PDB file of N, CA and C in Angstrom:
ATOM      1  N   MET A   1       0.841  -1.179   0.000  1.00  0.00           N
ATOM      2  CA  MET A   1       0.000   0.000   0.000  1.00  0.00           C
ATOM      3  C   MET A   1       0.885   1.240   0.000  1.00  0.00           C
ATOM      4  N   ALA A   2       0.440   2.243  -0.669  1.00  0.00           N
ATOM      5  CA  ALA A   2       1.204   3.485  -0.765  1.00  0.00           C
ATOM      6  C   ALA A   2       1.242   4.190   0.585  1.00  0.00           C
ATOM      7  N   ASN A   3       2.247   5.040   0.763  1.00  0.00           N
ATOM      8  CA  ASN A   3       2.381   5.816   1.990  1.00  0.00           C
ATOM      9  C   ASN A   3       1.437   7.011   1.900  1.00  0.00           C
ATOM     10  N   VAL A   4       0.226   6.866   2.433  1.00  0.00           N
ATOM     11  CA  VAL A   4      -0.811   7.889   2.341  1.00  0.00           C
ATOM     12  C   VAL A   4      -0.856   8.647   3.660  1.00  0.00           C
ATOM     13  N   GLN A   5      -0.611   9.951   3.615  1.00  0.00           N
ATOM     14  CA  GLN A   5      -0.682  10.794   4.805  1.00  0.00           C
ATOM     15  C   GLN A   5      -2.119  11.267   5.002  1.00  0.00           C
ATOM     16  N   TYR A   6      -2.419  11.817   6.189  1.00  0.00           N
ATOM     17  CA  TYR A   6      -3.799  12.200   6.477  1.00  0.00           C
ATOM     18  C   TYR A   6      -4.300  13.313   5.556  1.00  0.00           C
ATOM     19  N   TYR A   7      -3.415  14.195   5.094  1.00  0.00           N
ATOM     20  CA  TYR A   7      -3.841  15.275   4.210  1.00  0.00           C
ATOM     21  C   TYR A   7      -4.011  14.808   2.770  1.00  0.00           C
ATOM     22  N   ASP A   8      -3.587  13.592   2.441  1.00  0.00           N
ATOM     23  CA  ASP A   8      -3.807  13.021   1.117  1.00  0.00           C
ATOM     24  C   ASP A   8      -5.068  12.176   1.051  1.00  0.00           C
ATOM     25  N   VAL A   9      -5.671  11.889   2.188  1.00  0.00           N
ATOM     26  CA  VAL A   9      -6.808  10.965   2.219  1.00  0.00           C
ATOM     27  C   VAL A   9      -8.056  11.600   1.615  1.00  0.00           C
ATOM     28  N   ILE A  10      -8.431  12.780   2.071  1.00  0.00           N
ATOM     29  CA  ILE A  10      -9.651  13.436   1.590  1.00  0.00           C
ATOM     30  C   ILE A  10      -9.302  14.251   0.356  1.00  0.00           C
ATOM     31  N   LEU A  11      -9.939  13.911  -0.769  1.00  0.00           N
ATOM     32  CA  LEU A  11      -9.649  14.608  -2.015  1.00  0.00           C
ATOM     33  C   LEU A  11     -10.547  15.826  -2.201  1.00  0.00           C
ATOM     34  N   LYS A  12     -11.878  15.639  -2.092  1.00  0.00           N
ATOM     35  CA  LYS A  12     -12.801  16.770  -2.210  1.00  0.00           C
ATOM     36  C   LYS A  12     -14.165  16.372  -1.672  1.00  0.00           C
ATOM     37  N   PRO A  13     -14.974  17.345  -1.271  1.00  0.00           N
ATOM     38  CA  PRO A  13     -16.335  17.032  -0.806  1.00  0.00           C
ATOM     39  C   PRO A  13     -17.252  16.745  -1.991  1.00  0.00           C
ATOM     40  N   VAL A  14     -18.263  15.949  -1.743  1.00  0.00           N
ATOM     41  CA  VAL A  14     -19.277  15.645  -2.753  1.00  0.00           C
ATOM     42  C   VAL A  14     -20.459  16.567  -2.505  1.00  0.00           C
ATOM     43  N   ILE A  15     -20.786  17.382  -3.504  1.00  0.00           N
ATOM     44  CA  ILE A  15     -21.870  18.352  -3.372  1.00  0.00           C
ATOM     45  C   ILE A  15     -23.019  17.898  -4.281  1.00  0.00           C
ATOM     46  N   THR A  16     -23.966  17.167  -3.711  1.00  0.00           N
ATOM     47  CA  THR A  16     -25.164  16.751  -4.437  1.00  0.00           C
ATOM     48  C   THR A  16     -26.374  17.050  -3.568  1.00  0.00           C
ATOM     49  N   GLU A  17     -27.544  16.933  -4.142  1.00  0.00           N
ATOM     50  CA  GLU A  17     -28.762  17.200  -3.386  1.00  0.00           C
ATOM     51  C   GLU A  17     -28.914  16.201  -2.237  1.00  0.00           C
ATOM     52  N   LYS A  18     -28.590  14.950  -2.504  1.00  0.00           N
ATOM     53  CA  LYS A  18     -28.710  13.912  -1.483  1.00  0.00           C
ATOM     54  C   LYS A  18     -27.716  14.132  -0.343  1.00  0.00           C
ATOM     55  N   SER A  19     -26.479  14.508  -0.673  1.00  0.00           N
ATOM     56  CA  SER A  19     -25.489  14.734   0.381  1.00  0.00           C
ATOM     57  C   SER A  19     -25.810  15.991   1.187  1.00  0.00           C
ATOM     58  N   MET A  20     -26.412  16.988   0.556  1.00  0.00           N
ATOM     59  CA  MET A  20     -26.794  18.195   1.290  1.00  0.00           C
ATOM     60  C   MET A  20     -27.936  17.915   2.268  1.00  0.00           C
ATOM     61  N   ASN A  21     -28.878  17.056   1.887  1.00  0.00           N
ATOM     62  CA  ASN A  21     -29.963  16.696   2.797  1.00  0.00           C
ATOM     63  C   ASN A  21     -29.445  15.883   3.976  1.00  0.00           C
ATOM     64  N   ALA A  22     -28.407  15.079   3.772  1.00  0.00           N
ATOM     65  CA  ALA A  22     -27.847  14.263   4.851  1.00  0.00           C
ATOM     66  C   ALA A  22     -27.071  15.100   5.858  1.00  0.00           C
ATOM     67  N   MET A  23     -26.693  16.335   5.498  1.00  0.00           N
ATOM     68  CA  MET A  23     -25.955  17.187   6.430  1.00  0.00           C
ATOM     69  C   MET A  23     -26.786  17.552   7.647  1.00  0.00           C
ATOM     70  N   GLY A  24     -28.111  17.517   7.535  1.00  0.00           N
ATOM     71  CA  GLY A  24     -28.972  17.765   8.688  1.00  0.00           C
ATOM     72  C   GLY A  24     -28.808  16.703   9.761  1.00  0.00           C
ATOM     73  N   GLU A  25     -28.389  15.508   9.371  1.00  0.00           N
ATOM     74  CA  GLU A  25     -28.149  14.412  10.305  1.00  0.00           C
ATOM     75  C   GLU A  25     -26.664  14.285  10.653  1.00  0.00           C
ATOM     76  N   LYS A  26     -25.883  15.328  10.329  1.00  0.00           N
ATOM     77  CA  LYS A  26     -24.431  15.361  10.548  1.00  0.00           C
ATOM     78  C   LYS A  26     -23.706  14.267   9.779  1.00  0.00           C
ATOM     79  N   LYS A  27     -24.133  14.038   8.539  1.00  0.00           N
ATOM     80  CA  LYS A  27     -23.452  13.101   7.645  1.00  0.00           C
ATOM     81  C   LYS A  27     -22.842  13.909   6.505  1.00  0.00           C
ATOM     82  N   TYR A  28     -21.542  13.733   6.292  1.00  0.00           N
ATOM     83  CA  TYR A  28     -20.820  14.463   5.267  1.00  0.00           C
ATOM     84  C   TYR A  28     -20.196  13.470   4.296  1.00  0.00           C
ATOM     85  N   THR A  29     -20.225  13.797   3.002  1.00  0.00           N
ATOM     86  CA  THR A  29     -19.737  12.899   1.963  1.00  0.00           C
ATOM     87  C   THR A  29     -18.489  13.475   1.317  1.00  0.00           C
ATOM     88  N   PHE A  30     -17.464  12.629   1.172  1.00  0.00           N
ATOM     89  CA  PHE A  30     -16.192  13.041   0.582  1.00  0.00           C
ATOM     90  C   PHE A  30     -15.733  12.013  -0.443  1.00  0.00           C
ATOM     91  N   LEU A  31     -15.013  12.490  -1.478  1.00  0.00           N
ATOM     92  CA  LEU A  31     -14.237  11.592  -2.316  1.00  0.00           C
ATOM     93  C   LEU A  31     -12.911  11.396  -1.617  1.00  0.00           C
ATOM     94  N   VAL A  32     -12.479  10.149  -1.477  1.00  0.00           N
ATOM     95  CA  VAL A  32     -11.260   9.846  -0.728  1.00  0.00           C
ATOM     96  C   VAL A  32     -10.290   9.061  -1.595  1.00  0.00           C
ATOM     97  N   HIS A  33      -9.064   8.936  -1.112  1.00  0.00           N
ATOM     98  CA  HIS A  33      -8.029   8.175  -1.807  1.00  0.00           C
ATOM     99  C   HIS A  33      -8.479   6.719  -1.924  1.00  0.00           C
ATOM    100  N   PRO A  34      -8.302   6.084  -3.094  1.00  0.00           N
ATOM    101  CA  PRO A  34      -8.797   4.713  -3.277  1.00  0.00           C
ATOM    102  C   PRO A  34      -8.186   3.687  -2.328  1.00  0.00           C
ATOM    103  N   GLU A  35      -7.012   3.944  -1.782  1.00  0.00           N
ATOM    104  CA  GLU A  35      -6.372   2.986  -0.884  1.00  0.00           C
ATOM    105  C   GLU A  35      -6.593   3.312   0.594  1.00  0.00           C
ATOM    106  N   ALA A  36      -7.370   4.339   0.886  1.00  0.00           N
ATOM    107  CA  ALA A  36      -7.624   4.720   2.281  1.00  0.00           C
ATOM    108  C   ALA A  36      -8.653   3.781   2.897  1.00  0.00           C
ATOM    109  N   ASN A  37      -8.425   3.406   4.165  1.00  0.00           N
ATOM    110  CA  ASN A  37      -9.406   2.588   4.869  1.00  0.00           C
ATOM    111  C   ASN A  37     -10.191   3.470   5.849  1.00  0.00           C
ATOM    112  N   LYS A  38     -11.131   2.859   6.556  1.00  0.00           N
ATOM    113  CA  LYS A  38     -12.028   3.630   7.417  1.00  0.00           C
ATOM    114  C   LYS A  38     -11.294   4.327   8.560  1.00  0.00           C
ATOM    115  N   THR A  39     -10.295   3.687   9.141  1.00  0.00           N
ATOM    116  CA  THR A  39      -9.571   4.323  10.244  1.00  0.00           C
ATOM    117  C   THR A  39      -8.746   5.502   9.750  1.00  0.00           C
ATOM    118  N   MET A  40      -8.182   5.399   8.545  1.00  0.00           N
ATOM    119  CA  MET A  40      -7.432   6.520   7.972  1.00  0.00           C
ATOM    120  C   MET A  40      -8.357   7.700   7.688  1.00  0.00           C
ATOM    121  N   ILE A  41      -9.576   7.426   7.207  1.00  0.00           N
ATOM    122  CA  ILE A  41     -10.544   8.481   6.902  1.00  0.00           C
ATOM    123  C   ILE A  41     -10.990   9.164   8.189  1.00  0.00           C
ATOM    124  N   LYS A  42     -11.248   8.377   9.231  1.00  0.00           N
ATOM    125  CA  LYS A  42     -11.657   8.945  10.524  1.00  0.00           C
ATOM    126  C   LYS A  42     -10.567   9.852  11.080  1.00  0.00           C
ATOM    127  N   GLU A  43      -9.324   9.397  11.036  1.00  0.00           N
ATOM    128  CA  GLU A  43      -8.197  10.184  11.534  1.00  0.00           C
ATOM    129  C   GLU A  43      -8.025  11.470  10.734  1.00  0.00           C
ATOM    130  N   ALA A  44      -8.184  11.392   9.413  1.00  0.00           N
ATOM    131  CA  ALA A  44      -8.009  12.573   8.561  1.00  0.00           C
ATOM    132  C   ALA A  44      -9.069  13.625   8.835  1.00  0.00           C
ATOM    133  N   VAL A  45     -10.324  13.211   9.008  1.00  0.00           N
ATOM    134  CA  VAL A  45     -11.401  14.175   9.270  1.00  0.00           C
ATOM    135  C   VAL A  45     -11.181  14.853  10.613  1.00  0.00           C
ATOM    136  N   GLU A  46     -10.802  14.093  11.626  1.00  0.00           N
ATOM    137  CA  GLU A  46     -10.608  14.682  12.953  1.00  0.00           C
ATOM    138  C   GLU A  46      -9.401  15.606  13.005  1.00  0.00           C
ATOM    139  N   LYS A  47      -8.363  15.349  12.191  1.00  0.00           N
ATOM    140  CA  LYS A  47      -7.196  16.228  12.175  1.00  0.00           C
ATOM    141  C   LYS A  47      -7.423  17.465  11.310  1.00  0.00           C
ATOM    142  N   MET A  48      -8.115  17.314  10.189  1.00  0.00           N
ATOM    143  CA  MET A  48      -8.286  18.439   9.264  1.00  0.00           C
ATOM    144  C   MET A  48      -9.327  19.439   9.748  1.00  0.00           C
ATOM    145  N   PHE A  49     -10.361  18.962  10.414  1.00  0.00           N
ATOM    146  CA  PHE A  49     -11.444  19.830  10.873  1.00  0.00           C
ATOM    147  C   PHE A  49     -11.473  19.794  12.395  1.00  0.00           C
ATOM    148  N   GLU A  50     -11.019  20.885  13.015  1.00  0.00           N
ATOM    149  CA  GLU A  50     -10.887  20.950  14.471  1.00  0.00           C
ATOM    150  C   GLU A  50     -12.258  20.866  15.144  1.00  0.00           C
ATOM    151  N   GLY A  51     -12.323  20.137  16.241  1.00  0.00           N
ATOM    152  CA  GLY A  51     -13.551  20.039  17.029  1.00  0.00           C
ATOM    153  C   GLY A  51     -14.525  18.998  16.541  1.00  0.00           C
ATOM    154  N   THR A  52     -14.165  18.208  15.530  1.00  0.00           N
ATOM    155  CA  THR A  52     -15.071  17.174  15.037  1.00  0.00           C
ATOM    156  C   THR A  52     -14.714  15.834  15.670  1.00  0.00           C
ATOM    157  N   LYS A  53     -15.743  15.059  15.957  1.00  0.00           N
ATOM    158  CA  LYS A  53     -15.577  13.702  16.456  1.00  0.00           C
ATOM    159  C   LYS A  53     -16.386  12.786  15.551  1.00  0.00           C
ATOM    160  N   VAL A  54     -15.736  11.792  14.987  1.00  0.00           N
ATOM    161  CA  VAL A  54     -16.384  10.907  14.025  1.00  0.00           C
ATOM    162  C   VAL A  54     -17.024   9.740  14.769  1.00  0.00           C
ATOM    163  N   LYS A  55     -18.293   9.513  14.485  1.00  0.00           N
ATOM    164  CA  LYS A  55     -19.021   8.393  15.071  1.00  0.00           C
ATOM    165  C   LYS A  55     -18.819   7.139  14.223  1.00  0.00           C
ATOM    166  N   SER A  56     -19.000   7.263  12.896  1.00  0.00           N
ATOM    167  CA  SER A  56     -18.834   6.108  12.010  1.00  0.00           C
ATOM    168  C   SER A  56     -18.451   6.573  10.616  1.00  0.00           C
ATOM    169  N   VAL A  57     -17.885   5.647   9.840  1.00  0.00           N
ATOM    170  CA  VAL A  57     -17.487   5.917   8.454  1.00  0.00           C
ATOM    171  C   VAL A  57     -18.005   4.775   7.585  1.00  0.00           C
ATOM    172  N   ASN A  58     -18.725   5.112   6.536  1.00  0.00           N
ATOM    173  CA  ASN A  58     -19.163   4.131   5.544  1.00  0.00           C
ATOM    174  C   ASN A  58     -18.460   4.459   4.232  1.00  0.00           C
ATOM    175  N   THR A  59     -17.914   3.441   3.576  1.00  0.00           N
ATOM    176  CA  THR A  59     -17.196   3.661   2.329  1.00  0.00           C
ATOM    177  C   THR A  59     -17.831   2.856   1.209  1.00  0.00           C
ATOM    178  N   MET A  60     -17.628   3.337  -0.026  1.00  0.00           N
ATOM    179  CA  MET A  60     -18.091   2.596  -1.199  1.00  0.00           C
ATOM    180  C   MET A  60     -17.116   2.817  -2.342  1.00  0.00           C
ATOM    181  N   ASN A  61     -16.794   1.729  -3.037  1.00  0.00           N
ATOM    182  CA  ASN A  61     -15.933   1.787  -4.207  1.00  0.00           C
ATOM    183  C   ASN A  61     -16.808   1.923  -5.441  1.00  0.00           C
ATOM    184  N   ILE A  62     -16.456   2.867  -6.298  1.00  0.00           N
ATOM    185  CA  ILE A  62     -17.223   3.124  -7.517  1.00  0.00           C
ATOM    186  C   ILE A  62     -16.337   2.794  -8.701  1.00  0.00           C
ATOM    187  N   ASP A  63     -16.752   1.819  -9.500  1.00  0.00           N
ATOM    188  CA  ASP A  63     -15.993   1.436 -10.680  1.00  0.00           C
ATOM    189  C   ASP A  63     -16.090   2.518 -11.742  1.00  0.00           C
ATOM    190  N   GLY A  64     -15.081   2.582 -12.599  1.00  0.00           N
ATOM    191  CA  GLY A  64     -15.087   3.547 -13.682  1.00  0.00           C
ATOM    192  C   GLY A  64     -16.124   3.190 -14.736  1.00  0.00           C
ATOM    193  N   LYS A  65     -16.658   4.210 -15.399  1.00  0.00           N
ATOM    194  CA  LYS A  65     -17.650   3.984 -16.450  1.00  0.00           C
ATOM    195  C   LYS A  65     -16.954   3.609 -17.751  1.00  0.00           C
ATOM    196  N   LYS A  66     -17.630   2.809 -18.564  1.00  0.00           N
ATOM    197  CA  LYS A  66     -17.104   2.495 -19.884  1.00  0.00           C
ATOM    198  C   LYS A  66     -17.329   3.693 -20.796  1.00  0.00           C
ATOM    199  N   LYS A  67     -16.294   4.104 -21.477  1.00  0.00           N
ATOM    200  CA  LYS A  67     -16.383   5.206 -22.438  1.00  0.00           C
ATOM    201  C   LYS A  67     -15.853   4.708 -23.770  1.00  0.00           C
ATOM    202  N   ARG A  68     -16.423   5.229 -24.846  1.00  0.00           N
ATOM    203  CA  ARG A  68     -16.005   4.806 -26.171  1.00  0.00           C
ATOM    204  C   ARG A  68     -15.713   6.019 -27.026  1.00  0.00           C
ATOM    205  N   ARG A  69     -14.656   5.933 -27.803  1.00  0.00           N
ATOM    206  CA  ARG A  69     -14.334   6.979 -28.761  1.00  0.00           C
ATOM    207  C   ARG A  69     -13.989   6.264 -30.057  1.00  0.00           C
ATOM    208  N   GLY A  70     -14.971   6.170 -30.941  1.00  0.00           N
ATOM    209  CA  GLY A  70     -14.781   5.403 -32.169  1.00  0.00           C
ATOM    210  C   GLY A  70     -14.714   3.923 -31.846  1.00  0.00           C
ATOM    211  N   MET A  71     -13.680   3.256 -32.316  1.00  0.00           N
ATOM    212  CA  MET A  71     -13.517   1.823 -32.062  1.00  0.00           C
ATOM    213  C   MET A  71     -12.841   1.539 -30.713  1.00  0.00           C
ATOM    214  N   VAL A  72     -12.235   2.538 -30.136  1.00  0.00           N
ATOM    215  CA  VAL A  72     -11.466   2.344 -28.907  1.00  0.00           C
ATOM    216  C   VAL A  72     -12.405   2.403 -27.701  1.00  0.00           C
ATOM    217  N   VAL A  73     -12.324   1.372 -26.866  1.00  0.00           N
ATOM    218  CA  VAL A  73     -13.141   1.313 -25.659  1.00  0.00           C
ATOM    219  C   VAL A  73     -12.214   1.404 -24.454  1.00  0.00           C
ATOM    220  N   GLY A  74     -12.564   2.252 -23.496  1.00  0.00           N
ATOM    221  CA  GLY A  74     -11.764   2.402 -22.287  1.00  0.00           C
ATOM    222  C   GLY A  74     -12.655   2.626 -21.089  1.00  0.00           C
ATOM    223  N   ARG A  75     -12.023   2.893 -19.963  1.00  0.00           N
ATOM    224  CA  ARG A  75     -12.761   3.143 -18.723  1.00  0.00           C
ATOM    225  C   ARG A  75     -12.245   4.418 -18.072  1.00  0.00           C
ATOM    226  N   THR A  76     -13.133   5.101 -17.362  1.00  0.00           N
ATOM    227  CA  THR A  76     -12.705   6.228 -16.546  1.00  0.00           C
ATOM    228  C   THR A  76     -12.115   5.669 -15.249  1.00  0.00           C
ATOM    229  N   ALA A  77     -11.514   6.508 -14.460  1.00  0.00           N
ATOM    230  CA  ALA A  77     -10.829   6.065 -13.244  1.00  0.00           C
ATOM    231  C   ALA A  77     -11.823   5.614 -12.180  1.00  0.00           C
ATOM    232  N   LYS A  78     -11.399   4.627 -11.371  1.00  0.00           N
ATOM    233  CA  LYS A  78     -12.182   4.195 -10.223  1.00  0.00           C
ATOM    234  C   LYS A  78     -12.079   5.257  -9.131  1.00  0.00           C
ATOM    235  N   THR A  79     -13.116   5.373  -8.326  1.00  0.00           N
ATOM    236  CA  THR A  79     -13.103   6.323  -7.213  1.00  0.00           C
ATOM    237  C   THR A  79     -13.612   5.628  -5.953  1.00  0.00           C
ATOM    238  N   LYS A  80     -13.410   6.283  -4.831  1.00  0.00           N
ATOM    239  CA  LYS A  80     -13.913   5.796  -3.553  1.00  0.00           C
ATOM    240  C   LYS A  80     -14.599   6.950  -2.849  1.00  0.00           C
ATOM    241  N   LYS A  81     -15.774   6.674  -2.306  1.00  0.00           N
ATOM    242  CA  LYS A  81     -16.556   7.686  -1.637  1.00  0.00           C
ATOM    243  C   LYS A  81     -16.745   7.276  -0.181  1.00  0.00           C
ATOM    244  N   ALA A  82     -16.719   8.258   0.731  1.00  0.00           N
ATOM    245  CA  ALA A  82     -16.899   7.986   2.160  1.00  0.00           C
ATOM    246  C   ALA A  82     -17.982   8.892   2.718  1.00  0.00           C
ATOM    247  N   ILE A  83     -18.884   8.304   3.495  1.00  0.00           N
ATOM    248  CA  ILE A  83     -19.905   9.057   4.212  1.00  0.00           C
ATOM    249  C   ILE A  83     -19.516   9.029   5.689  1.00  0.00           C
ATOM    250  N   VAL A  84     -19.252  10.210   6.243  1.00  0.00           N
ATOM    251  CA  VAL A  84     -18.751  10.340   7.608  1.00  0.00           C
ATOM    252  C   VAL A  84     -19.875  10.838   8.497  1.00  0.00           C
ATOM    253  N   GLN A  85     -20.202  10.070   9.539  1.00  0.00           N
ATOM    254  CA  GLN A  85     -21.227  10.453  10.515  1.00  0.00           C
ATOM    255  C   GLN A  85     -20.524  11.028  11.734  1.00  0.00           C
ATOM    256  N   LEU A  86     -20.880  12.273  12.111  1.00  0.00           N
ATOM    257  CA  LEU A  86     -20.283  12.907  13.288  1.00  0.00           C
ATOM    258  C   LEU A  86     -21.157  12.663  14.510  1.00  0.00           C
ATOM    259  N   THR A  87     -20.558  12.790  15.688  1.00  0.00           N
ATOM    260  CA  THR A  87     -21.320  12.625  16.928  1.00  0.00           C
ATOM    261  C   THR A  87     -22.210  13.843  17.143  1.00  0.00           C
ATOM    262  N   ALA A  88     -23.166  13.710  18.055  1.00  0.00           N
ATOM    263  CA  ALA A  88     -24.128  14.783  18.297  1.00  0.00           C
ATOM    264  C   ALA A  88     -23.470  16.030  18.888  1.00  0.00           C
ATOM    265  N   ASP A  89     -22.444  15.865  19.731  1.00  0.00           N
ATOM    266  CA  ASP A  89     -21.796  17.014  20.370  1.00  0.00           C
ATOM    267  C   ASP A  89     -20.635  17.566  19.553  1.00  0.00           C
ATOM    268  N   SER A  90     -20.426  17.059  18.357  1.00  0.00           N
ATOM    269  CA  SER A  90     -19.328  17.496  17.504  1.00  0.00           C
ATOM    270  C   SER A  90     -19.666  18.807  16.788  1.00  0.00           C
ATOM    271  N   LYS A  91     -18.619  19.572  16.445  1.00  0.00           N
ATOM    272  CA  LYS A  91     -18.803  20.782  15.647  1.00  0.00           C
ATOM    273  C   LYS A  91     -19.099  20.410  14.197  1.00  0.00           C
ATOM    274  N   ASP A  92     -19.804  21.308  13.491  1.00  0.00           N
ATOM    275  CA  ASP A  92     -20.050  21.081  12.069  1.00  0.00           C
ATOM    276  C   ASP A  92     -18.780  21.374  11.272  1.00  0.00           C
ATOM    277  N   ILE A  93     -18.712  20.831  10.062  1.00  0.00           N
ATOM    278  CA  ILE A  93     -17.580  21.073   9.187  1.00  0.00           C
ATOM    279  C   ILE A  93     -17.826  22.371   8.442  1.00  0.00           C
ATOM    280  N   GLU A  94     -16.845  23.289   8.477  1.00  0.00           N
ATOM    281  CA  GLU A  94     -17.043  24.653   7.985  1.00  0.00           C
ATOM    282  C   GLU A  94     -17.156  24.760   6.470  1.00  0.00           C
ATOM    283  N   ILE A  95     -16.537  23.854   5.718  1.00  0.00           N
ATOM    284  CA  ILE A  95     -16.539  24.015   4.254  1.00  0.00           C
ATOM    285  C   ILE A  95     -17.927  23.881   3.681  1.00  0.00           C
ATOM    286  N   PHE A  96     -18.847  23.245   4.416  1.00  0.00           N
ATOM    287  CA  PHE A  96     -20.215  23.107   3.940  1.00  0.00           C
ATOM    288  C   PHE A  96     -21.116  24.233   4.451  1.00  0.00           C
ATOM    289  N   ALA A  97     -20.603  25.144   5.257  1.00  0.00           N
ATOM    290  CA  ALA A  97     -21.425  26.137   5.936  1.00  0.00           C
ATOM    291  C   ALA A  97     -22.096  27.108   4.983  1.00  0.00           C
ATOM    292  N   GLY A  98     -21.432  27.546   3.923  1.00  0.00           N
ATOM    293  CA  GLY A  98     -21.997  28.547   3.029  1.00  0.00           C
ATOM    294  C   GLY A  98     -22.849  27.982   1.915  1.00  0.00           C
ATOM    295  N   LEU A  99     -23.050  26.673   1.893  1.00  0.00           N
ATOM    296  CA  LEU A  99     -23.794  26.049   0.787  1.00  0.00           C
ATOM    297  C   LEU A  99     -25.237  25.850   1.126  1.00  0.00           C
TER     298      LEU A  99
END
């Protein structure tokens, strides 16, 4: 496995209608490094966002889509998505505050 540091784990937040509705329940969705596991994701969220305490982490691997250009068939890159549930007494994550 590659040497993945905590600041390399979280790539970007997922901004969709479904993920925005889940923020009311303190659930935040992120695209994460494909080799990151749940403990690495929990550690990264708690270090990057001060005052947050992670209750649970759910992950899902998303296969790349098939794309075609003429006769050539290929795939887009695989991704990994993580849904992070914070505890009730935890602070909210600020990057989602203005959305």
